[in-house]
Amino acid sequence: MRKLQFLYLAKLYSLVNFLQYVHHPDNKLYFFELQFAIDQAIGRITHLWNK
């Protein structure tokens, strides 16, 4: 289960890094909102997995 969790988080972070790479400078706020939402999702997933 831990390995699956790690792979899932790695995929999420690689997606964030990709979005940051192709991201337009004028839309920085949108990117940070997206990153915050993903961080929240990771927090929830981790919390559920640790139960």
C-alpha atoms as a PDB file:
ATOM      1  CA  MET A   1       0.000   0.000   0.000  1.00  0.00           C
ATOM      2  CA  ARG A   2       2.857   2.376   0.824  1.00  0.00           C
ATOM      3  CA  LYS A   3       4.423   1.791  -2.590  1.00  0.00           C
ATOM      4  CA  LEU A   4       1.108   2.555  -4.300  1.00  0.00           C
ATOM      5  CA  GLN A   5       0.740   5.732  -2.235  1.00  0.00           C
ATOM      6  CA  PHE A   6       4.268   6.856  -3.144  1.00  0.00           C
ATOM      7  CA  LEU A   7       3.672   6.259  -6.854  1.00  0.00           C
ATOM      8  CA  TYR A   8       0.405   8.211  -6.718  1.00  0.00           C
ATOM      9  CA  LEU A   9       2.032  11.184  -4.990  1.00  0.00           C
ATOM     10  CA  ALA A  10       4.951  11.084  -7.429  1.00  0.00           C
ATOM     11  CA  LYS A  11       2.498  11.263 -10.344  1.00  0.00           C
ATOM     12  CA  LEU A  12       0.700  14.236  -8.792  1.00  0.00           C
ATOM     13  CA  TYR A  13       3.954  16.106  -8.233  1.00  0.00           C
ATOM     14  CA  SER A  14       5.225  15.377 -11.746  1.00  0.00           C
ATOM     15  CA  LEU A  15       1.931  16.791 -13.059  1.00  0.00           C
ATOM     16  CA  VAL A  16       2.421  19.950 -10.973  1.00  0.00           C
ATOM     17  CA  ASN A  17       5.996  20.319 -12.229  1.00  0.00           C
ATOM     18  CA  PHE A  18       4.831  19.904 -15.827  1.00  0.00           C
ATOM     19  CA  LEU A  19       2.107  22.512 -15.381  1.00  0.00           C
ATOM     20  CA  GLN A  20       4.637  24.883 -13.827  1.00  0.00           C
ATOM     21  CA  TYR A  21       6.945  24.361 -16.822  1.00  0.00           C
ATOM     22  CA  VAL A  22       4.301  25.175 -19.457  1.00  0.00           C
ATOM     23  CA  HIS A  23       2.688  27.841 -17.286  1.00  0.00           C
ATOM     24  CA  HIS A  24       2.249  31.409 -18.528  1.00  0.00           C
ATOM     25  CA  PRO A  25       3.811  34.043 -16.196  1.00  0.00           C
ATOM     26  CA  ASP A  26       0.648  36.176 -16.150  1.00  0.00           C
ATOM     27  CA  ASN A  27      -1.375  33.383 -14.572  1.00  0.00           C
ATOM     28  CA  LYS A  28       0.817  32.731 -11.532  1.00  0.00           C
ATOM     29  CA  LEU A  29      -2.096  33.085  -9.096  1.00  0.00           C
ATOM     30  CA  TYR A  30      -4.024  30.348 -10.892  1.00  0.00           C
ATOM     31  CA  PHE A  31      -1.023  28.024 -10.635  1.00  0.00           C
ATOM     32  CA  PHE A  32      -0.640  28.618  -6.898  1.00  0.00           C
ATOM     33  CA  GLU A  33      -4.364  27.978  -6.377  1.00  0.00           C
ATOM     34  CA  LEU A  34      -4.007  24.727  -8.321  1.00  0.00           C
ATOM     35  CA  GLN A  35      -0.952  23.706  -6.305  1.00  0.00           C
ATOM     36  CA  PHE A  36      -2.822  24.458  -3.058  1.00  0.00           C
ATOM     37  CA  ALA A  37      -5.768  22.301  -4.189  1.00  0.00           C
ATOM     38  CA  ILE A  38      -3.423  19.428  -5.070  1.00  0.00           C
ATOM     39  CA  ASP A  39      -1.616  19.767  -1.720  1.00  0.00           C
ATOM     40  CA  GLN A  40      -4.985  19.571   0.045  1.00  0.00           C
ATOM     41  CA  ALA A  41      -5.896  16.463  -1.952  1.00  0.00           C
ATOM     42  CA  ILE A  42      -2.554  14.851  -1.050  1.00  0.00           C
ATOM     43  CA  GLY A  43      -3.181  15.680   2.618  1.00  0.00           C
ATOM     44  CA  ARG A  44      -6.585  14.003   2.514  1.00  0.00           C
ATOM     45  CA  ILE A  45      -5.256  10.938   0.705  1.00  0.00           C
ATOM     46  CA  THR A  46      -2.357  10.587   3.142  1.00  0.00           C
ATOM     47  CA  HIS A  47      -4.720  10.983   6.099  1.00  0.00           C
ATOM     48  CA  LEU A  48      -7.028   8.257   4.776  1.00  0.00           C
ATOM     49  CA  TRP A  49      -4.104   5.929   4.065  1.00  0.00           C
ATOM     50  CA  ASN A  50      -2.660   6.395   7.546  1.00  0.00           C
ATOM     51  CA  LYS A  51      -5.941   5.467   9.268  1.00  0.00           C
END
